[in-house]
Amino acid sequence: DNIVKEYVEVMYPIFKQVFEEKGIPLDNLENVLKQSAHESSYGTNQSGTFNLGGITWNETMTDRTPRQKDSRVYIDFDNLYDYAQYKVSLLNDRYEALGAKDIYDFINRLHGGNPGKHNYSEDKKGYERSLPFMHTLEKYIPHDN
């Protein structure tokens, strides 16, 4: 419970700030927080420095530093704000997930249900088993939006 509370206390205001700066409605802020928590085991399973989501690097990312770990190459971020900015832009621009009507639509958009048929991960069933049922995380989310 403490690790979940700490994760929300750290990441929620950062994601909220990014949403507000980008002019994105806060409707899917909770979904982004859940997805990020799922990907990182609440920030405990970092693939790279400040890389809470295991975002893999590719050659077109000339503005990011790659880091090799576990036979994969990941993006490193200088801080959590930069991570959140990248994550929100990626989910909004590539997957159009920030226009989702609910958690299930959000999950579907991340797994091919978007105009480009882009697939964020191979674990749609894991997302369906996990994201809708993160009740411990939900109880720590401020309801000021």
C-alpha atoms as a PDB file:
ATOM      1  CA  ASP A   1       0.000   0.000   0.000  1.00  0.00           C
ATOM      2  CA  ASN A   2       2.803   2.449   0.835  1.00  0.00           C
ATOM      3  CA  ILE A   3       4.514   1.984  -2.522  1.00  0.00           C
ATOM      4  CA  VAL A   4       1.216   2.583  -4.343  1.00  0.00           C
ATOM      5  CA  LYS A   5       0.537   5.715  -2.298  1.00  0.00           C
ATOM      6  CA  GLU A   6       4.040   7.032  -2.935  1.00  0.00           C
ATOM      7  CA  TYR A   7       3.742   6.318  -6.659  1.00  0.00           C
ATOM      8  CA  VAL A   8       0.487   8.272  -6.908  1.00  0.00           C
ATOM      9  CA  GLU A   9       1.826  11.132  -4.784  1.00  0.00           C
ATOM     10  CA  VAL A  10       4.858  11.487  -7.060  1.00  0.00           C
ATOM     11  CA  MET A  11       3.442  10.770 -10.520  1.00  0.00           C
ATOM     12  CA  TYR A  12      -0.127  12.118 -10.365  1.00  0.00           C
ATOM     13  CA  PRO A  13       0.843  15.816 -10.092  1.00  0.00           C
ATOM     14  CA  ILE A  14       3.480  15.434 -12.794  1.00  0.00           C
ATOM     15  CA  PHE A  15       1.075  13.781 -15.246  1.00  0.00           C
ATOM     16  CA  LYS A  16      -1.621  16.337 -14.346  1.00  0.00           C
ATOM     17  CA  GLN A  17       0.759  19.212 -15.061  1.00  0.00           C
ATOM     18  CA  VAL A  18       1.648  17.745 -18.461  1.00  0.00           C
ATOM     19  CA  PHE A  19      -2.018  17.200 -19.366  1.00  0.00           C
ATOM     20  CA  GLU A  20      -2.823  20.791 -18.433  1.00  0.00           C
ATOM     21  CA  GLU A  21       0.163  22.235 -20.305  1.00  0.00           C
ATOM     22  CA  LYS A  22      -0.805  20.307 -23.436  1.00  0.00           C
ATOM     23  CA  GLY A  23      -4.473  21.294 -23.109  1.00  0.00           C
ATOM     24  CA  ILE A  24      -5.591  17.674 -22.852  1.00  0.00           C
ATOM     25  CA  PRO A  25      -8.777  17.008 -20.847  1.00  0.00           C
ATOM     26  CA  LEU A  26      -8.056  15.148 -17.614  1.00  0.00           C
ATOM     27  CA  ASP A  27     -10.554  12.358 -18.447  1.00  0.00           C
ATOM     28  CA  ASN A  28      -7.803   9.789 -19.098  1.00  0.00           C
ATOM     29  CA  LEU A  29      -5.265  10.981 -16.537  1.00  0.00           C
ATOM     30  CA  GLU A  30      -6.172   8.096 -14.229  1.00  0.00           C
ATOM     31  CA  ASN A  31      -5.773   5.627 -17.117  1.00  0.00           C
ATOM     32  CA  VAL A  32      -2.292   6.961 -17.915  1.00  0.00           C
ATOM     33  CA  LEU A  33      -1.338   6.707 -14.257  1.00  0.00           C
ATOM     34  CA  LYS A  34      -2.590   3.111 -14.137  1.00  0.00           C
ATOM     35  CA  GLN A  35      -0.818   2.163 -17.363  1.00  0.00           C
ATOM     36  CA  SER A  36       2.429   3.685 -16.160  1.00  0.00           C
ATOM     37  CA  ALA A  37       2.097   1.921 -12.784  1.00  0.00           C
ATOM     38  CA  HIS A  38       1.362  -1.379 -14.548  1.00  0.00           C
ATOM     39  CA  GLU A  39       4.386  -1.026 -16.846  1.00  0.00           C
ATOM     40  CA  SER A  40       6.769  -0.183 -14.007  1.00  0.00           C
ATOM     41  CA  SER A  41       5.426  -2.195 -11.054  1.00  0.00           C
ATOM     42  CA  TYR A  42       4.677   1.139  -9.370  1.00  0.00           C
ATOM     43  CA  GLY A  43       8.087   2.532 -10.217  1.00  0.00           C
ATOM     44  CA  THR A  44      10.047  -0.344  -8.712  1.00  0.00           C
ATOM     45  CA  ASN A  45      10.997  -2.086 -11.964  1.00  0.00           C
ATOM     46  CA  GLN A  46      12.861   0.581 -13.873  1.00  0.00           C
ATOM     47  CA  SER A  47      14.235  -0.418 -17.248  1.00  0.00           C
ATOM     48  CA  GLY A  48      16.479   2.637 -17.321  1.00  0.00           C
ATOM     49  CA  THR A  49      17.054   5.794 -15.354  1.00  0.00           C
ATOM     50  CA  PHE A  50      13.660   7.504 -14.963  1.00  0.00           C
ATOM     51  CA  ASN A  51      12.230   5.138 -17.555  1.00  0.00           C
ATOM     52  CA  LEU A  52       9.200   3.940 -15.637  1.00  0.00           C
ATOM     53  CA  GLY A  53       7.384   2.611 -18.676  1.00  0.00           C
ATOM     54  CA  GLY A  54      10.034   0.491 -20.336  1.00  0.00           C
ATOM     55  CA  ILE A  55       9.873   2.659 -23.451  1.00  0.00           C
ATOM     56  CA  THR A  56      12.177   1.125 -26.030  1.00  0.00           C
ATOM     57  CA  TRP A  57      14.524   3.245 -28.092  1.00  0.00           C
ATOM     58  CA  ASN A  58      14.759   3.271 -31.868  1.00  0.00           C
ATOM     59  CA  GLU A  59      17.059   4.994 -34.338  1.00  0.00           C
ATOM     60  CA  THR A  60      14.611   7.839 -35.039  1.00  0.00           C
ATOM     61  CA  MET A  61      14.855   9.077 -31.438  1.00  0.00           C
ATOM     62  CA  THR A  62      17.860  11.313 -31.987  1.00  0.00           C
ATOM     63  CA  ASP A  63      16.969  13.513 -29.005  1.00  0.00           C
ATOM     64  CA  ARG A  64      17.072  10.624 -26.503  1.00  0.00           C
ATOM     65  CA  THR A  65      19.924   8.659 -24.995  1.00  0.00           C
ATOM     66  CA  PRO A  66      19.666   4.881 -25.372  1.00  0.00           C
ATOM     67  CA  ARG A  67      20.584   2.462 -22.587  1.00  0.00           C
ATOM     68  CA  GLN A  68      21.048  -1.275 -23.037  1.00  0.00           C
ATOM     69  CA  LYS A  69      19.551  -3.536 -20.381  1.00  0.00           C
ATOM     70  CA  ASP A  70      18.245  -7.097 -20.496  1.00  0.00           C
ATOM     71  CA  SER A  71      19.113  -7.404 -24.214  1.00  0.00           C
ATOM     72  CA  ARG A  72      16.876  -4.432 -25.065  1.00  0.00           C
ATOM     73  CA  VAL A  73      17.641  -0.795 -25.674  1.00  0.00           C
ATOM     74  CA  TYR A  74      15.582   1.705 -23.681  1.00  0.00           C
ATOM     75  CA  ILE A  75      15.205   5.465 -23.529  1.00  0.00           C
ATOM     76  CA  ASP A  76      16.670   7.303 -20.563  1.00  0.00           C
ATOM     77  CA  PHE A  77      14.995  10.469 -19.320  1.00  0.00           C
ATOM     78  CA  ASP A  78      16.654  13.233 -17.350  1.00  0.00           C
ATOM     79  CA  ASN A  79      13.747  13.491 -14.910  1.00  0.00           C
ATOM     80  CA  LEU A  80      10.185  12.321 -14.278  1.00  0.00           C
ATOM     81  CA  TYR A  81       8.679  15.394 -15.917  1.00  0.00           C
ATOM     82  CA  ASP A  82      10.470  14.615 -19.199  1.00  0.00           C
ATOM     83  CA  TYR A  83       9.272  11.021 -18.924  1.00  0.00           C
ATOM     84  CA  ALA A  84       5.678  12.168 -18.359  1.00  0.00           C
ATOM     85  CA  GLN A  85       5.824  14.603 -21.287  1.00  0.00           C
ATOM     86  CA  TYR A  86       7.083  11.889 -23.602  1.00  0.00           C
ATOM     87  CA  LYS A  87       4.575   9.317 -22.315  1.00  0.00           C
ATOM     88  CA  VAL A  88       1.567  11.621 -22.651  1.00  0.00           C
ATOM     89  CA  SER A  89       2.600  12.704 -26.162  1.00  0.00           C
ATOM     90  CA  LEU A  90       3.184   9.108 -27.224  1.00  0.00           C
ATOM     91  CA  LEU A  91      -0.166   7.869 -25.891  1.00  0.00           C
ATOM     92  CA  ASN A  92      -2.001  10.842 -27.360  1.00  0.00           C
ATOM     93  CA  ASP A  93      -0.326  11.180 -30.754  1.00  0.00           C
ATOM     94  CA  ARG A  94       0.463   7.593 -31.752  1.00  0.00           C
ATOM     95  CA  TYR A  95      -2.340   5.648 -30.059  1.00  0.00           C
ATOM     96  CA  GLU A  96      -5.003   8.355 -29.615  1.00  0.00           C
ATOM     97  CA  ALA A  97      -5.561   6.742 -26.215  1.00  0.00           C
ATOM     98  CA  LEU A  98      -6.248  10.034 -24.451  1.00  0.00           C
ATOM     99  CA  GLY A  99      -9.550  10.320 -26.289  1.00  0.00           C
ATOM    100  CA  ALA A 100     -10.788   7.001 -24.884  1.00  0.00           C
ATOM    101  CA  LYS A 101     -14.282   6.903 -23.404  1.00  0.00           C
ATOM    102  CA  ASP A 102     -13.354   4.454 -20.609  1.00  0.00           C
ATOM    103  CA  ILE A 103     -10.573   2.137 -19.406  1.00  0.00           C
ATOM    104  CA  TYR A 104     -11.532  -0.627 -21.855  1.00  0.00           C
ATOM    105  CA  ASP A 105     -11.476   1.752 -24.822  1.00  0.00           C
ATOM    106  CA  PHE A 106      -8.100   3.028 -23.554  1.00  0.00           C
ATOM    107  CA  ILE A 107      -6.731  -0.526 -23.463  1.00  0.00           C
ATOM    108  CA  ASN A 108      -8.137  -1.276 -26.924  1.00  0.00           C
ATOM    109  CA  ARG A 109      -6.549   1.856 -28.402  1.00  0.00           C
ATOM    110  CA  LEU A 110      -3.166   0.797 -27.006  1.00  0.00           C
ATOM    111  CA  HIS A 111      -3.535  -2.614 -28.603  1.00  0.00           C
ATOM    112  CA  GLY A 112      -4.308  -1.828 -32.219  1.00  0.00           C
ATOM    113  CA  GLY A 113      -7.652  -0.039 -31.879  1.00  0.00           C
ATOM    114  CA  ASN A 114      -6.233   3.215 -33.214  1.00  0.00           C
ATOM    115  CA  PRO A 115      -6.099   4.665 -36.757  1.00  0.00           C
ATOM    116  CA  GLY A 116      -2.523   3.459 -37.402  1.00  0.00           C
ATOM    117  CA  LYS A 117      -3.200   0.006 -35.861  1.00  0.00           C
ATOM    118  CA  HIS A 118      -0.174   0.591 -33.610  1.00  0.00           C
ATOM    119  CA  ASN A 119       0.309  -1.925 -30.805  1.00  0.00           C
ATOM    120  CA  TYR A 120       1.883  -0.671 -27.555  1.00  0.00           C
ATOM    121  CA  SER A 121       2.464  -4.132 -26.116  1.00  0.00           C
ATOM    122  CA  GLU A 122       1.800  -7.796 -26.697  1.00  0.00           C
ATOM    123  CA  ASP A 123       0.001  -8.102 -23.356  1.00  0.00           C
ATOM    124  CA  LYS A 124      -3.557  -6.902 -23.973  1.00  0.00           C
ATOM    125  CA  LYS A 125      -4.975  -9.627 -21.714  1.00  0.00           C
ATOM    126  CA  GLY A 126      -2.613  -8.559 -18.914  1.00  0.00           C
ATOM    127  CA  TYR A 127      -3.829  -4.990 -19.285  1.00  0.00           C
ATOM    128  CA  GLU A 128      -7.456  -6.179 -19.203  1.00  0.00           C
ATOM    129  CA  ARG A 129      -6.779  -8.198 -16.031  1.00  0.00           C
ATOM    130  CA  SER A 130      -4.882  -5.406 -14.300  1.00  0.00           C
ATOM    131  CA  LEU A 131      -5.813  -1.838 -15.260  1.00  0.00           C
ATOM    132  CA  PRO A 132      -9.567  -1.886 -14.522  1.00  0.00           C
ATOM    133  CA  PHE A 133      -8.973  -3.373 -11.074  1.00  0.00           C
ATOM    134  CA  MET A 134      -6.290  -1.122  -9.583  1.00  0.00           C
ATOM    135  CA  HIS A 135      -8.512  -0.134  -6.670  1.00  0.00           C
ATOM    136  CA  THR A 136      -5.642   0.518  -4.262  1.00  0.00           C
ATOM    137  CA  LEU A 137      -4.181   3.042  -6.705  1.00  0.00           C
ATOM    138  CA  GLU A 138      -7.616   4.625  -7.222  1.00  0.00           C
ATOM    139  CA  LYS A 139      -8.090   5.331  -3.527  1.00  0.00           C
ATOM    140  CA  TYR A 140      -4.990   7.578  -3.490  1.00  0.00           C
ATOM    141  CA  ILE A 141      -5.867   9.627  -6.578  1.00  0.00           C
ATOM    142  CA  PRO A 142      -6.987  13.157  -5.672  1.00  0.00           C
ATOM    143  CA  HIS A 143     -10.430  13.913  -7.051  1.00  0.00           C
ATOM    144  CA  ASP A 144      -9.863  17.579  -7.771  1.00  0.00           C
ATOM    145  CA  ASN A 145     -10.252  17.344 -11.546  1.00  0.00           C
END
